[in-house]
Amino acid sequence: MSINIGINGFGRIGRLVMRAAKNNPKINIVAVNDPFIPVNYMEYMYKYDTVHGRCGQEVSSCEDTNSLTIDGSKVQVFGEKDPSKIQWGSAGADY
């Protein structure tokens, strides 16, 4: 059984959490919230970390659906400044 998780913030720590989770079959990242980073730049930062190197996963972004796709798994991207307004459930997040 796996759990579906949303990450609030996609800075260095958020990206490292996502990388670690992608290597754990019991964790699915289904959403990310960051009101300050456009989805196309999220794709770039995830692919090419200046300290940790390339992610080694297939990554793409879609501005129309505001989402990332990582190794075939869709990750919904939100841009809410107020965390209480994030619709985690609409992306299927348990936590």
C-alpha atoms as a PDB file:
ATOM      1  CA  MET A   1       0.000   0.000   0.000  1.00  0.00           C
ATOM      2  CA  SER A   2       1.278   3.458  -0.851  1.00  0.00           C
ATOM      3  CA  ILE A   3       0.358   6.927   0.374  1.00  0.00           C
ATOM      4  CA  ASN A   4      -0.248  10.027  -1.733  1.00  0.00           C
ATOM      5  CA  ILE A   5       1.549  13.152  -0.568  1.00  0.00           C
ATOM      6  CA  GLY A   6       1.511  16.851  -1.431  1.00  0.00           C
ATOM      7  CA  ILE A   7       4.587  19.045  -0.939  1.00  0.00           C
ATOM      8  CA  ASN A   8       4.182  22.677   0.103  1.00  0.00           C
ATOM      9  CA  GLY A   9       7.201  24.516  -1.305  1.00  0.00           C
ATOM     10  CA  PHE A  10       9.487  23.492  -4.143  1.00  0.00           C
ATOM     11  CA  GLY A  11      12.785  25.004  -3.054  1.00  0.00           C
ATOM     12  CA  ARG A  12      15.844  22.863  -2.363  1.00  0.00           C
ATOM     13  CA  ILE A  13      14.152  20.846   0.412  1.00  0.00           C
ATOM     14  CA  GLY A  14      10.934  20.257  -1.533  1.00  0.00           C
ATOM     15  CA  ARG A  15      12.871  19.026  -4.553  1.00  0.00           C
ATOM     16  CA  LEU A  16      15.015  16.710  -2.420  1.00  0.00           C
ATOM     17  CA  VAL A  17      11.907  15.299  -0.739  1.00  0.00           C
ATOM     18  CA  MET A  18      10.447  14.604  -4.180  1.00  0.00           C
ATOM     19  CA  ARG A  19      13.647  12.904  -5.366  1.00  0.00           C
ATOM     20  CA  ALA A  20      13.750  10.701  -2.261  1.00  0.00           C
ATOM     21  CA  ALA A  21      10.053   9.840  -2.572  1.00  0.00           C
ATOM     22  CA  LYS A  22      10.454   8.834  -6.220  1.00  0.00           C
ATOM     23  CA  ASN A  23      12.870   6.124  -5.047  1.00  0.00           C
ATOM     24  CA  ASN A  24      10.361   4.761  -2.513  1.00  0.00           C
ATOM     25  CA  PRO A  25       7.517   2.668  -3.989  1.00  0.00           C
ATOM     26  CA  LYS A  26       5.355   3.309  -0.907  1.00  0.00           C
ATOM     27  CA  ILE A  27       5.189   7.064  -1.550  1.00  0.00           C
ATOM     28  CA  ASN A  28       3.481   8.899  -4.438  1.00  0.00           C
ATOM     29  CA  ILE A  29       3.927  12.643  -4.789  1.00  0.00           C
ATOM     30  CA  VAL A  30       0.674  13.841  -6.348  1.00  0.00           C
ATOM     31  CA  ALA A  31       0.850  17.609  -5.811  1.00  0.00           C
ATOM     32  CA  VAL A  32       3.216  20.500  -5.200  1.00  0.00           C
ATOM     33  CA  ASN A  33       2.366  24.007  -4.057  1.00  0.00           C
ATOM     34  CA  ASP A  34       4.653  26.958  -4.672  1.00  0.00           C
ATOM     35  CA  PRO A  35       3.212  30.372  -5.520  1.00  0.00           C
ATOM     36  CA  PHE A  36       6.545  31.815  -6.625  1.00  0.00           C
ATOM     37  CA  ILE A  37       7.884  29.303  -9.175  1.00  0.00           C
ATOM     38  CA  PRO A  38       6.326  28.782 -12.632  1.00  0.00           C
ATOM     39  CA  VAL A  39       5.801  25.151 -13.634  1.00  0.00           C
ATOM     40  CA  ASN A  40       8.315  25.287 -16.486  1.00  0.00           C
ATOM     41  CA  TYR A  41      11.027  26.491 -14.083  1.00  0.00           C
ATOM     42  CA  MET A  42      10.035  23.757 -11.597  1.00  0.00           C
ATOM     43  CA  GLU A  43      10.769  21.273 -14.359  1.00  0.00           C
ATOM     44  CA  TYR A  44      14.197  22.793 -14.973  1.00  0.00           C
ATOM     45  CA  MET A  45      15.156  23.002 -11.285  1.00  0.00           C
ATOM     46  CA  TYR A  46      14.077  19.422 -10.644  1.00  0.00           C
ATOM     47  CA  LYS A  47      16.014  18.101 -13.633  1.00  0.00           C
ATOM     48  CA  TYR A  48      19.233  20.020 -12.990  1.00  0.00           C
ATOM     49  CA  ASP A  49      20.081  20.613  -9.327  1.00  0.00           C
ATOM     50  CA  THR A  50      23.340  22.563  -8.947  1.00  0.00           C
ATOM     51  CA  VAL A  51      24.419  20.549  -5.886  1.00  0.00           C
ATOM     52  CA  HIS A  52      22.824  17.123  -6.394  1.00  0.00           C
ATOM     53  CA  GLY A  53      23.120  16.925 -10.179  1.00  0.00           C
ATOM     54  CA  ARG A  54      20.653  15.596 -12.714  1.00  0.00           C
ATOM     55  CA  CYS A  55      17.657  13.712 -11.394  1.00  0.00           C
ATOM     56  CA  GLY A  56      17.896  10.769 -13.808  1.00  0.00           C
ATOM     57  CA  GLN A  57      14.132  10.732 -14.358  1.00  0.00           C
ATOM     58  CA  GLU A  58      11.986  11.704 -17.347  1.00  0.00           C
ATOM     59  CA  VAL A  59      10.527  15.114 -16.444  1.00  0.00           C
ATOM     60  CA  SER A  60       8.180  17.388 -18.364  1.00  0.00           C
ATOM     61  CA  SER A  61       5.834  20.242 -17.547  1.00  0.00           C
ATOM     62  CA  CYS A  62       2.539  21.425 -18.960  1.00  0.00           C
ATOM     63  CA  GLU A  63       1.489  25.016 -18.407  1.00  0.00           C
ATOM     64  CA  ASP A  64      -2.040  24.321 -19.739  1.00  0.00           C
ATOM     65  CA  THR A  65      -2.796  21.825 -16.958  1.00  0.00           C
ATOM     66  CA  ASN A  66      -0.319  23.358 -14.498  1.00  0.00           C
ATOM     67  CA  SER A  67       1.352  20.029 -13.866  1.00  0.00           C
ATOM     68  CA  LEU A  68       4.626  18.149 -13.930  1.00  0.00           C
ATOM     69  CA  THR A  69       5.030  14.629 -15.226  1.00  0.00           C
ATOM     70  CA  ILE A  70       7.828  12.603 -13.684  1.00  0.00           C
ATOM     71  CA  ASP A  71       8.487   9.124 -15.070  1.00  0.00           C
ATOM     72  CA  GLY A  72       4.897   9.035 -16.335  1.00  0.00           C
ATOM     73  CA  SER A  73       3.297  10.120 -13.037  1.00  0.00           C
ATOM     74  CA  LYS A  74       1.351  13.383 -13.075  1.00  0.00           C
ATOM     75  CA  VAL A  75       2.003  15.885 -10.276  1.00  0.00           C
ATOM     76  CA  GLN A  76      -0.560  18.682  -9.945  1.00  0.00           C
ATOM     77  CA  VAL A  77       0.993  22.103  -9.294  1.00  0.00           C
ATOM     78  CA  PHE A  78      -0.749  24.751  -7.195  1.00  0.00           C
ATOM     79  CA  GLY A  79       0.264  28.368  -6.688  1.00  0.00           C
ATOM     80  CA  GLU A  80      -1.552  29.316  -3.489  1.00  0.00           C
ATOM     81  CA  LYS A  81       0.032  31.778  -1.066  1.00  0.00           C
ATOM     82  CA  ASP A  82      -2.445  30.807   1.670  1.00  0.00           C
ATOM     83  CA  PRO A  83      -1.900  27.107   2.548  1.00  0.00           C
ATOM     84  CA  SER A  84      -5.483  26.778   3.826  1.00  0.00           C
ATOM     85  CA  LYS A  85      -6.713  27.343   0.255  1.00  0.00           C
ATOM     86  CA  ILE A  86      -4.702  24.535  -1.348  1.00  0.00           C
ATOM     87  CA  GLN A  87      -7.024  21.876  -2.769  1.00  0.00           C
ATOM     88  CA  TRP A  88      -4.835  18.873  -1.877  1.00  0.00           C
ATOM     89  CA  GLY A  89      -7.790  16.497  -2.069  1.00  0.00           C
ATOM     90  CA  SER A  90      -8.483  17.401  -5.690  1.00  0.00           C
ATOM     91  CA  ALA A  91      -5.065  15.970  -6.544  1.00  0.00           C
ATOM     92  CA  GLY A  92      -5.642  12.862  -4.453  1.00  0.00           C
ATOM     93  CA  ALA A  93      -3.247  13.739  -1.618  1.00  0.00           C
ATOM     94  CA  ASP A  94      -3.693  11.866   1.656  1.00  0.00           C
ATOM     95  CA  TYR A  95      -1.112  14.033   3.468  1.00  0.00           C
END
